[in-house]
C-alpha atoms as a PDB file:
ATOM      1  CA  MET A   1       0.000   0.000   0.000  1.00  0.00           C
ATOM      2  CA  ASN A   2       2.792   2.444   0.946  1.00  0.00           C
ATOM      3  CA  ARG A   3       4.673   1.602  -2.242  1.00  0.00           C
ATOM      4  CA  LEU A   4       1.517   2.228  -4.295  1.00  0.00           C
ATOM      5  CA  ARG A   5       0.942   5.545  -2.554  1.00  0.00           C
ATOM      6  CA  ASN A   6       4.556   6.607  -3.163  1.00  0.00           C
ATOM      7  CA  ASN A   7       4.311   5.639  -6.831  1.00  0.00           C
ATOM      8  CA  THR A   8       1.145   7.724  -7.105  1.00  0.00           C
ATOM      9  CA  LEU A   9       2.621  10.765  -5.386  1.00  0.00           C
ATOM     10  CA  ARG A  10       5.984  10.769  -7.149  1.00  0.00           C
ATOM     11  CA  PRO A  11       4.778  12.047 -10.578  1.00  0.00           C
ATOM     12  CA  GLY A  12       2.861  14.876  -8.926  1.00  0.00           C
ATOM     13  CA  LEU A  13       5.836  15.916  -6.809  1.00  0.00           C
ATOM     14  CA  THR A  14       8.090  15.769  -9.845  1.00  0.00           C
ATOM     15  CA  ARG A  15       5.733  18.033 -11.761  1.00  0.00           C
ATOM     16  CA  LEU A  16       5.593  20.497  -8.866  1.00  0.00           C
ATOM     17  CA  ALA A  17       9.386  20.491  -8.761  1.00  0.00           C
ATOM     18  CA  ASP A  18       9.472  21.250 -12.486  1.00  0.00           C
ATOM     19  CA  TYR A  19       7.125  24.213 -12.104  1.00  0.00           C
ATOM     20  CA  TRP A  20       9.288  25.410  -9.208  1.00  0.00           C
ATOM     21  CA  THR A  21      12.375  25.139 -11.437  1.00  0.00           C
ATOM     22  CA  LEU A  22      10.704  27.296 -14.085  1.00  0.00           C
ATOM     23  CA  THR A  23      10.565  30.200 -11.627  1.00  0.00           C
ATOM     24  CA  LYS A  24      14.383  30.219 -11.116  1.00  0.00           C
ATOM     25  CA  PRO A  25      14.214  30.487  -7.305  1.00  0.00           C
ATOM     26  CA  GLU A  26      17.988  31.021  -6.981  1.00  0.00           C
ATOM     27  CA  VAL A  27      17.711  34.210  -9.064  1.00  0.00           C
ATOM     28  CA  ASN A  28      14.605  35.354  -7.205  1.00  0.00           C
ATOM     29  CA  LEU A  29      16.496  35.451  -3.907  1.00  0.00           C
ATOM     30  CA  LEU A  30      18.573  38.346  -5.235  1.00  0.00           C
ATOM     31  CA  VAL A  31      15.460  39.949  -6.725  1.00  0.00           C
ATOM     32  CA  LEU A  32      13.773  39.884  -3.317  1.00  0.00           C
ATOM     33  CA  ALA A  33      16.889  41.201  -1.559  1.00  0.00           C
ATOM     34  CA  SER A  34      17.039  44.100  -4.028  1.00  0.00           C
ATOM     35  CA  THR A  35      13.344  44.874  -3.584  1.00  0.00           C
ATOM     36  CA  LEU A  36      13.659  44.684   0.183  1.00  0.00           C
ATOM     37  CA  VAL A  37      16.528  47.163   0.371  1.00  0.00           C
ATOM     38  CA  GLY A  38      14.674  49.604  -1.869  1.00  0.00           C
ATOM     39  CA  PHE A  39      11.557  49.433   0.296  1.00  0.00           C
ATOM     40  CA  TYR A  40      13.444  49.617   3.599  1.00  0.00           C
ATOM     41  CA  LEU A  41      15.599  52.604   2.664  1.00  0.00           C
ATOM     42  CA  ALA A  42      12.586  54.478   1.284  1.00  0.00           C
ATOM     43  CA  TRP A  43      10.242  53.869   4.197  1.00  0.00           C
ATOM     44  CA  ARG A  44       9.723  56.614   6.758  1.00  0.00           C
ATOM     45  CA  GLY A  45       8.703  55.846  10.321  1.00  0.00           C
ATOM     46  CA  PRO A  46       7.775  52.431  11.783  1.00  0.00           C
ATOM     47  CA  LEU A  47       8.013  49.759   9.123  1.00  0.00           C
ATOM     48  CA  ASP A  48       4.725  48.586   7.603  1.00  0.00           C
ATOM     49  CA  PHE A  49       5.377  44.844   7.505  1.00  0.00           C
ATOM     50  CA  TRP A  50       2.044  44.155   5.828  1.00  0.00           C
ATOM     51  CA  ARG A  51       2.818  46.349   2.847  1.00  0.00           C
ATOM     52  CA  LEU A  52       6.377  45.009   2.729  1.00  0.00           C
ATOM     53  CA  ALA A  53       5.099  41.420   2.621  1.00  0.00           C
ATOM     54  CA  HIS A  54       2.725  42.230  -0.247  1.00  0.00           C
ATOM     55  CA  THR A  55       5.488  44.074  -2.092  1.00  0.00           C
ATOM     56  CA  LEU A  56       7.846  41.121  -1.831  1.00  0.00           C
ATOM     57  CA  LEU A  57       5.138  38.630  -2.772  1.00  0.00           C
ATOM     58  CA  GLY A  58       3.990  40.643  -5.778  1.00  0.00           C
ATOM     59  CA  THR A  59       7.551  41.171  -6.985  1.00  0.00           C
ATOM     60  CA  LEU A  60       8.332  37.482  -6.499  1.00  0.00           C
ATOM     61  CA  LEU A  61       5.304  36.472  -8.567  1.00  0.00           C
ATOM     62  CA  VAL A  62       6.175  38.820 -11.437  1.00  0.00           C
ATOM     63  CA  ALA A  63       9.837  37.744 -11.349  1.00  0.00           C
ATOM     64  CA  SER A  64       8.790  34.090 -11.345  1.00  0.00           C
ATOM     65  CA  GLY A  65       6.462  34.716 -14.273  1.00  0.00           C
ATOM     66  CA  THR A  66       9.261  36.484 -16.143  1.00  0.00           C
ATOM     67  CA  ALA A  67      11.657  33.585 -15.567  1.00  0.00           C
ATOM     68  CA  THR A  68       9.028  31.080 -16.684  1.00  0.00           C
ATOM     69  CA  LEU A  69       8.172  32.993 -19.849  1.00  0.00           C
ATOM     70  CA  ASN A  70      11.868  33.456 -20.605  1.00  0.00           C
ATOM     71  CA  GLN A  71      12.343  29.685 -20.497  1.00  0.00           C
ATOM     72  CA  TYR A  72       9.290  29.276 -22.710  1.00  0.00           C
ATOM     73  CA  PHE A  73      10.810  31.521 -25.382  1.00  0.00           C
ATOM     74  CA  GLU A  74      14.283  30.024 -25.033  1.00  0.00           C
ATOM     75  CA  ARG A  75      13.300  26.377 -24.881  1.00  0.00           C
ATOM     76  CA  ARG A  76      14.923  25.536 -28.224  1.00  0.00           C
ATOM     77  CA  SER A  77      18.189  27.232 -27.296  1.00  0.00           C
ATOM     78  CA  ASP A  78      18.144  25.549 -23.892  1.00  0.00           C
ATOM     79  CA  ARG A  79      17.934  22.177 -25.605  1.00  0.00           C
ATOM     80  CA  LEU A  80      21.320  22.816 -27.240  1.00  0.00           C
ATOM     81  CA  MET A  81      23.220  23.661 -24.042  1.00  0.00           C
ATOM     82  CA  ARG A  82      24.454  21.121 -21.532  1.00  0.00           C
ATOM     83  CA  ARG A  83      23.764  23.373 -18.541  1.00  0.00           C
ATOM     84  CA  THR A  84      20.109  23.870 -19.520  1.00  0.00           C
ATOM     85  CA  ALA A  85      19.199  20.737 -21.488  1.00  0.00           C
ATOM     86  CA  ASN A  86      17.616  19.127 -18.427  1.00  0.00           C
ATOM     87  CA  ARG A  87      15.275  22.002 -17.694  1.00  0.00           C
ATOM     88  CA  PRO A  88      11.591  21.015 -17.730  1.00  0.00           C
ATOM     89  CA  LEU A  89      10.806  22.349 -21.222  1.00  0.00           C
ATOM     90  CA  PRO A  90      13.800  21.153 -23.285  1.00  0.00           C
ATOM     91  CA  ALA A  91      13.685  17.820 -21.461  1.00  0.00           C
ATOM     92  CA  GLY A  92      10.012  17.424 -22.366  1.00  0.00           C
ATOM     93  CA  ARG A  93       8.713  17.024 -18.819  1.00  0.00           C
ATOM     94  CA  LEU A  94       6.356  20.002 -19.289  1.00  0.00           C
ATOM     95  CA  ALA A  95       4.568  21.130 -22.433  1.00  0.00           C
ATOM     96  CA  PRO A  96       5.284  24.653 -23.743  1.00  0.00           C
ATOM     97  CA  ALA A  97       1.600  25.599 -23.379  1.00  0.00           C
ATOM     98  CA  GLN A  98       1.727  24.684 -19.689  1.00  0.00           C
ATOM     99  CA  ALA A  99       4.742  26.904 -19.108  1.00  0.00           C
ATOM    100  CA  LEU A 100       3.183  29.772 -21.065  1.00  0.00           C
ATOM    101  CA  ALA A 101      -0.038  29.644 -19.058  1.00  0.00           C
ATOM    102  CA  PHE A 102       1.864  29.314 -15.778  1.00  0.00           C
ATOM    103  CA  GLY A 103       4.109  32.281 -16.560  1.00  0.00           C
ATOM    104  CA  LEU A 104       1.239  34.533 -17.607  1.00  0.00           C
ATOM    105  CA  LEU A 105      -0.729  33.595 -14.499  1.00  0.00           C
ATOM    106  CA  LEU A 106       2.178  34.359 -12.166  1.00  0.00           C
ATOM    107  CA  ALA A 107       2.875  37.701 -13.830  1.00  0.00           C
ATOM    108  CA  ALA A 108      -0.786  38.730 -13.749  1.00  0.00           C
ATOM    109  CA  LEU A 109      -1.192  37.759 -10.094  1.00  0.00           C
ATOM    110  CA  GLY A 110       1.997  39.580  -9.117  1.00  0.00           C
ATOM    111  CA  GLY A 111       1.011  42.751 -10.932  1.00  0.00           C
ATOM    112  CA  TRP A 112      -2.426  42.665  -9.328  1.00  0.00           C
ATOM    113  CA  GLU A 113      -0.885  42.081  -5.889  1.00  0.00           C
ATOM    114  CA  LEU A 114       1.326  45.157  -6.239  1.00  0.00           C
ATOM    115  CA  TRP A 115      -1.445  47.304  -7.723  1.00  0.00           C
ATOM    116  CA  VAL A 116      -3.952  46.548  -4.960  1.00  0.00           C
ATOM    117  CA  PHE A 117      -1.754  46.219  -1.853  1.00  0.00           C
ATOM    118  CA  ALA A 118       1.141  48.580  -2.684  1.00  0.00           C
ATOM    119  CA  ASN A 119       0.350  51.109  -5.429  1.00  0.00           C
ATOM    120  CA  PRO A 120      -0.069  51.292  -9.225  1.00  0.00           C
ATOM    121  CA  LEU A 121       3.436  52.715  -9.735  1.00  0.00           C
ATOM    122  CA  ALA A 122       5.089  49.632  -8.229  1.00  0.00           C
ATOM    123  CA  SER A 123       2.861  47.393 -10.352  1.00  0.00           C
ATOM    124  CA  GLN A 124       3.631  49.313 -13.534  1.00  0.00           C
ATOM    125  CA  LEU A 125       7.371  49.110 -12.869  1.00  0.00           C
ATOM    126  CA  ALA A 126       7.120  45.344 -12.359  1.00  0.00           C
ATOM    127  CA  TRP A 127       5.209  44.848 -15.608  1.00  0.00           C
ATOM    128  CA  LEU A 128       7.646  47.175 -17.402  1.00  0.00           C
ATOM    129  CA  THR A 129      10.476  44.981 -16.156  1.00  0.00           C
ATOM    130  CA  LEU A 130       8.792  41.872 -17.530  1.00  0.00           C
ATOM    131  CA  GLY A 131       8.063  43.491 -20.891  1.00  0.00           C
ATOM    132  CA  ALA A 132      11.545  44.921 -21.375  1.00  0.00           C
ATOM    133  CA  TYR A 133      13.234  41.680 -20.369  1.00  0.00           C
ATOM    134  CA  LEU A 134      11.189  39.505 -22.698  1.00  0.00           C
ATOM    135  CA  ALA A 135      10.904  41.953 -25.595  1.00  0.00           C
ATOM    136  CA  CYS A 136      14.504  43.230 -25.629  1.00  0.00           C
ATOM    137  CA  TYR A 137      16.953  40.996 -23.783  1.00  0.00           C
ATOM    138  CA  THR A 138      15.557  37.570 -24.662  1.00  0.00           C
ATOM    139  CA  PRO A 139      15.287  37.923 -28.464  1.00  0.00           C
ATOM    140  CA  LEU A 140      18.522  39.922 -28.818  1.00  0.00           C
ATOM    141  CA  LYS A 141      20.691  37.269 -27.152  1.00  0.00           C
ATOM    142  CA  LYS A 142      21.057  35.621 -30.562  1.00  0.00           C
ATOM    143  CA  ARG A 143      21.730  38.873 -32.417  1.00  0.00           C
ATOM    144  CA  THR A 144      24.136  41.118 -30.548  1.00  0.00           C
ATOM    145  CA  PRO A 145      26.341  41.245 -27.419  1.00  0.00           C
ATOM    146  CA  LEU A 146      24.529  44.496 -26.615  1.00  0.00           C
ATOM    147  CA  CYS A 147      21.804  42.245 -25.213  1.00  0.00           C
ATOM    148  CA  THR A 148      23.744  42.251 -21.934  1.00  0.00           C
ATOM    149  CA  LEU A 149      23.471  46.032 -21.729  1.00  0.00           C
ATOM    150  CA  LEU A 150      19.788  45.997 -22.658  1.00  0.00           C
ATOM    151  CA  GLY A 151      19.073  43.162 -20.231  1.00  0.00           C
ATOM    152  CA  ALA A 152      20.705  45.054 -17.372  1.00  0.00           C
ATOM    153  CA  VAL A 153      18.124  47.835 -17.739  1.00  0.00           C
ATOM    154  CA  PRO A 154      15.135  45.744 -16.544  1.00  0.00           C
ATOM    155  CA  GLY A 155      17.444  43.607 -14.400  1.00  0.00           C
ATOM    156  CA  ALA A 156      18.145  46.576 -12.119  1.00  0.00           C
ATOM    157  CA  MET A 157      14.470  47.434 -11.556  1.00  0.00           C
ATOM    158  CA  PRO A 158      13.708  45.558  -8.277  1.00  0.00           C
ATOM    159  CA  PRO A 159      15.033  48.337  -5.971  1.00  0.00           C
ATOM    160  CA  LEU A 160      12.852  50.834  -7.856  1.00  0.00           C
ATOM    161  CA  ILE A 161       9.823  48.573  -7.338  1.00  0.00           C
ATOM    162  CA  GLY A 162      10.535  48.417  -3.612  1.00  0.00           C
ATOM    163  CA  TRP A 163      11.103  52.166  -3.393  1.00  0.00           C
ATOM    164  CA  ALA A 164       7.939  52.932  -5.347  1.00  0.00           C
ATOM    165  CA  ALA A 165       5.910  50.597  -3.138  1.00  0.00           C
ATOM    166  CA  ALA A 166       7.094  52.492  -0.064  1.00  0.00           C
ATOM    167  CA  ARG A 167       6.807  56.082  -1.326  1.00  0.00           C
ATOM    168  CA  ASN A 168       4.721  55.984  -4.501  1.00  0.00           C
ATOM    169  CA  SER A 169       7.466  58.033  -6.176  1.00  0.00           C
ATOM    170  CA  LEU A 170      11.089  57.740  -7.303  1.00  0.00           C
ATOM    171  CA  GLY A 171      13.854  60.047  -6.105  1.00  0.00           C
ATOM    172  CA  ALA A 172      17.606  60.349  -6.637  1.00  0.00           C
ATOM    173  CA  GLU A 173      18.266  57.830  -3.876  1.00  0.00           C
ATOM    174  CA  ALA A 174      16.156  55.230  -5.669  1.00  0.00           C
ATOM    175  CA  TRP A 175      18.064  55.741  -8.918  1.00  0.00           C
ATOM    176  CA  GLU A 176      21.344  55.370  -7.042  1.00  0.00           C
ATOM    177  CA  LEU A 177      20.261  51.885  -5.985  1.00  0.00           C
ATOM    178  CA  TYR A 178      19.302  51.230  -9.582  1.00  0.00           C
ATOM    179  CA  ALA A 179      22.773  52.308 -10.771  1.00  0.00           C
ATOM    180  CA  LEU A 180      24.496  50.021  -8.278  1.00  0.00           C
ATOM    181  CA  LEU A 181      22.513  46.971  -9.349  1.00  0.00           C
ATOM    182  CA  PHE A 182      22.816  47.922 -13.022  1.00  0.00           C
ATOM    183  CA  LEU A 183      26.622  47.963 -12.855  1.00  0.00           C
ATOM    184  CA  TRP A 184      26.860  44.860 -10.649  1.00  0.00           C
ATOM    185  CA  GLN A 185      25.178  42.739 -13.304  1.00  0.00           C
ATOM    186  CA  PHE A 186      27.995  43.040 -15.842  1.00  0.00           C
ATOM    187  CA  PRO A 187      30.844  41.317 -13.978  1.00  0.00           C
ATOM    188  CA  HIS A 188      28.345  38.724 -12.776  1.00  0.00           C
ATOM    189  CA  LEU A 189      26.821  37.950 -16.186  1.00  0.00           C
ATOM    190  CA  LEU A 190      30.027  38.230 -18.224  1.00  0.00           C
ATOM    191  CA  ALA A 191      31.840  35.847 -15.881  1.00  0.00           C
ATOM    192  CA  ILE A 192      29.010  33.329 -16.276  1.00  0.00           C
ATOM    193  CA  ALA A 193      29.086  33.803 -20.052  1.00  0.00           C
ATOM    194  CA  TRP A 194      32.850  33.177 -20.092  1.00  0.00           C
ATOM    195  CA  MET A 195      32.455  30.004 -18.031  1.00  0.00           C
ATOM    196  CA  TYR A 196      29.826  28.628 -20.418  1.00  0.00           C
ATOM    197  CA  ARG A 197      31.095  30.235 -23.632  1.00  0.00           C
ATOM    198  CA  GLU A 198      31.136  26.904 -25.506  1.00  0.00           C
ATOM    199  CA  ASP A 199      27.563  26.160 -24.463  1.00  0.00           C
ATOM    200  CA  TYR A 200      26.417  29.617 -25.491  1.00  0.00           C
ATOM    201  CA  ALA A 201      28.217  29.360 -28.835  1.00  0.00           C
ATOM    202  CA  ARG A 202      26.540  26.010 -29.490  1.00  0.00           C
ATOM    203  CA  ALA A 203      23.136  27.625 -28.966  1.00  0.00           C
ATOM    204  CA  GLY A 204      24.012  30.711 -30.996  1.00  0.00           C
ATOM    205  CA  LEU A 205      23.827  33.094 -28.027  1.00  0.00           C
ATOM    206  CA  ARG A 206      26.003  36.191 -28.362  1.00  0.00           C
ATOM    207  CA  LEU A 207      26.647  37.473 -24.856  1.00  0.00           C
ATOM    208  CA  LEU A 208      30.413  37.964 -25.142  1.00  0.00           C
ATOM    209  CA  PRO A 209      32.309  40.508 -27.268  1.00  0.00           C
ATOM    210  CA  PRO A 210      32.748  39.231 -30.845  1.00  0.00           C
ATOM    211  CA  ASN A 211      35.910  37.282 -31.743  1.00  0.00           C
ATOM    212  CA  ASP A 212      37.118  37.395 -28.147  1.00  0.00           C
ATOM    213  CA  HIS A 213      38.728  33.971 -28.192  1.00  0.00           C
ATOM    214  CA  ASP A 214      41.289  34.697 -25.471  1.00  0.00           C
ATOM    215  CA  GLY A 215      38.879  36.594 -23.204  1.00  0.00           C
ATOM    216  CA  ARG A 216      40.874  39.842 -23.110  1.00  0.00           C
ATOM    217  CA  ARG A 217      37.969  42.037 -24.210  1.00  0.00           C
ATOM    218  CA  THR A 218      35.626  40.306 -21.785  1.00  0.00           C
ATOM    219  CA  VAL A 219      38.029  40.895 -18.917  1.00  0.00           C
ATOM    220  CA  ARG A 220      38.474  44.563 -19.860  1.00  0.00           C
ATOM    221  CA  SER A 221      34.708  44.989 -19.771  1.00  0.00           C
ATOM    222  CA  ILE A 222      34.473  43.272 -16.397  1.00  0.00           C
ATOM    223  CA  LEU A 223      37.208  45.443 -14.874  1.00  0.00           C
ATOM    224  CA  THR A 224      35.635  48.603 -16.316  1.00  0.00           C
ATOM    225  CA  TYR A 225      32.307  47.859 -14.667  1.00  0.00           C
ATOM    226  CA  LEU A 226      33.997  46.866 -11.407  1.00  0.00           C
ATOM    227  CA  PHE A 227      35.799  50.213 -11.459  1.00  0.00           C
ATOM    228  CA  LEU A 228      32.522  52.076 -12.024  1.00  0.00           C
ATOM    229  CA  LEU A 229      30.781  50.019  -9.342  1.00  0.00           C
ATOM    230  CA  LEU A 230      32.994  51.451  -6.592  1.00  0.00           C
ATOM    231  CA  PRO A 231      31.784  55.082  -6.767  1.00  0.00           C
ATOM    232  CA  ALA A 232      28.234  53.868  -7.373  1.00  0.00           C
ATOM    233  CA  SER A 233      28.389  51.814  -4.182  1.00  0.00           C
ATOM    234  CA  LEU A 234      29.604  54.856  -2.220  1.00  0.00           C
ATOM    235  CA  LEU A 235      26.925  57.278  -3.450  1.00  0.00           C
ATOM    236  CA  PRO A 236      24.502  56.352  -0.610  1.00  0.00           C
ATOM    237  CA  VAL A 237      27.046  57.853   1.812  1.00  0.00           C
ATOM    238  CA  PHE A 238      27.121  61.192  -0.014  1.00  0.00           C
ATOM    239  CA  LEU A 239      23.338  61.197  -0.396  1.00  0.00           C
ATOM    240  CA  GLY A 240      22.987  60.779   3.358  1.00  0.00           C
ATOM    241  CA  GLN A 241      21.240  57.410   3.197  1.00  0.00           C
ATOM    242  CA  VAL A 242      23.861  55.532   5.229  1.00  0.00           C
ATOM    243  CA  GLY A 243      26.689  56.220   7.663  1.00  0.00           C
ATOM    244  CA  LYS A 244      30.404  55.603   8.065  1.00  0.00           C
ATOM    245  CA  ALA A 245      30.077  51.933   8.970  1.00  0.00           C
ATOM    246  CA  TYR A 246      28.627  51.293   5.529  1.00  0.00           C
ATOM    247  CA  LEU A 247      31.439  53.294   3.940  1.00  0.00           C
ATOM    248  CA  VAL A 248      34.102  51.080   5.510  1.00  0.00           C
ATOM    249  CA  GLY A 249      32.246  47.864   4.750  1.00  0.00           C
ATOM    250  CA  ALA A 250      31.517  48.847   1.143  1.00  0.00           C
ATOM    251  CA  LEU A 251      35.191  49.649   0.537  1.00  0.00           C
ATOM    252  CA  LEU A 252      36.287  46.283   1.930  1.00  0.00           C
ATOM    253  CA  LEU A 253      33.720  44.406  -0.147  1.00  0.00           C
ATOM    254  CA  ALA A 254      34.753  46.332  -3.264  1.00  0.00           C
ATOM    255  CA  CYS A 255      38.378  45.368  -2.664  1.00  0.00           C
ATOM    256  CA  GLY A 256      37.420  41.700  -2.424  1.00  0.00           C
ATOM    257  CA  PHE A 257      35.302  41.913  -5.578  1.00  0.00           C
ATOM    258  CA  TRP A 258      38.120  43.684  -7.440  1.00  0.00           C
ATOM    259  CA  HIS A 259      40.627  41.052  -6.269  1.00  0.00           C
ATOM    260  CA  CYS A 260      38.532  38.302  -7.864  1.00  0.00           C
ATOM    261  CA  GLY A 261      38.207  40.368 -11.032  1.00  0.00           C
ATOM    262  CA  MET A 262      41.989  40.720 -11.217  1.00  0.00           C
ATOM    263  CA  GLY A 263      42.288  36.976 -10.699  1.00  0.00           C
ATOM    264  CA  LEU A 264      40.232  36.433 -13.834  1.00  0.00           C
ATOM    265  CA  ALA A 265      42.350  39.014 -15.673  1.00  0.00           C
ATOM    266  CA  ARG A 266      45.518  37.093 -14.807  1.00  0.00           C
ATOM    267  CA  HIS A 267      44.327  33.578 -15.605  1.00  0.00           C
ATOM    268  CA  ARG A 268      41.144  33.836 -17.727  1.00  0.00           C
ATOM    269  CA  SER A 269      40.199  30.324 -16.629  1.00  0.00           C
ATOM    270  CA  ASN A 270      36.849  28.812 -15.786  1.00  0.00           C
ATOM    271  CA  ALA A 271      37.958  28.431 -12.165  1.00  0.00           C
ATOM    272  CA  SER A 272      38.770  32.159 -11.942  1.00  0.00           C
ATOM    273  CA  ALA A 273      35.454  33.036 -13.579  1.00  0.00           C
ATOM    274  CA  ARG A 274      33.635  30.807 -11.102  1.00  0.00           C
ATOM    275  CA  ARG A 275      35.336  32.580  -8.187  1.00  0.00           C
ATOM    276  CA  LEU A 276      34.233  35.935  -9.597  1.00  0.00           C
ATOM    277  CA  VAL A 277      30.646  34.710  -9.920  1.00  0.00           C
ATOM    278  CA  LEU A 278      30.699  33.522  -6.305  1.00  0.00           C
ATOM    279  CA  ALA A 279      32.212  36.832  -5.207  1.00  0.00           C
ATOM    280  CA  SER A 280      29.422  38.704  -6.986  1.00  0.00           C
ATOM    281  CA  ILE A 281      26.785  36.575  -5.267  1.00  0.00           C
ATOM    282  CA  VAL A 282      28.367  37.324  -1.880  1.00  0.00           C
ATOM    283  CA  TYR A 283      29.017  41.004  -2.601  1.00  0.00           C
ATOM    284  CA  LEU A 284      25.511  42.186  -3.440  1.00  0.00           C
ATOM    285  CA  PRO A 285      23.568  40.820  -0.435  1.00  0.00           C
ATOM    286  CA  LEU A 286      26.301  42.019   1.952  1.00  0.00           C
ATOM    287  CA  VAL A 287      26.256  45.532   0.476  1.00  0.00           C
ATOM    288  CA  PHE A 288      22.483  45.594   0.809  1.00  0.00           C
ATOM    289  CA  ALA A 289      22.666  44.257   4.376  1.00  0.00           C
ATOM    290  CA  LEU A 290      25.151  46.996   5.295  1.00  0.00           C
ATOM    291  CA  MET A 291      22.843  49.635   3.813  1.00  0.00           C
ATOM    292  CA  MET A 292      19.938  48.391   5.901  1.00  0.00           C
ATOM    293  CA  ALA A 293      22.007  48.051   9.063  1.00  0.00           C
ATOM    294  CA  ASP A 294      23.517  51.547   8.763  1.00  0.00           C
ATOM    295  CA  LYS A 295      20.478  53.380   7.404  1.00  0.00           C
ATOM    296  CA  THR A 296      20.426  57.030   8.426  1.00  0.00           C
ATOM    297  CA  PRO A 297      17.254  57.912  10.380  1.00  0.00           C
ATOM    298  CA  LEU A 298      14.890  60.035   8.274  1.00  0.00           C
END
């Protein structure tokens, strides 16, 4: 009886796991962290946890819908790459129509959640993020390396969504957070693209500079954006959002991030690229945590 019950439950659990995979939960953790810091820094007075919860939930739903729809549109490319061939759509475990319906439902629910329980501005920014990501970044990945630049525009929107949900407006401080996340994406994404350059080439995706067989142009781009990221990360100090503790912490984190970037410049190996990706994943949440911990009282 127990074996029969397990055999009955297993297909359903597998399908749930596949739908969960479509939402890219590992990416959504950074999306939620970015939204949280935007909301927290913008909020005045005692924190409204109810509105914050709705903001995070709505943003999560739209981000999950975006990830699902992105995999729907890229299912043929994913089939050609080793790192993505086992995703639910290229592997055939879910039908494209199922993913399309699931993605649209998540995006609609998330936009509604933000519209009703936060404000229309936050909802509009979330839907704008979805539209720009799917209409610009996704189709251009096979056409031009500029897709990385265009994809970073909607990719940096979560702090603006959080800020808008808290204040129903966008100020200079909100755009500073946007700039930080915008610049952070380039070393992160280019290092990933260098690690999987053969996979991307097999699928016809053009994320790296053209004819950059030795990685020199990729590394120059990474170091340029790391250089620009330093002043962007310090702007909250000059705008009065955070204090001196953040200043010290941000400088130390920037030094660590730069060290990993220089490691890739010296070796241009997959191992060095992997270390830079890990450094980027550590850097961003810690910078955001320092901002929240050292927020200047309004």
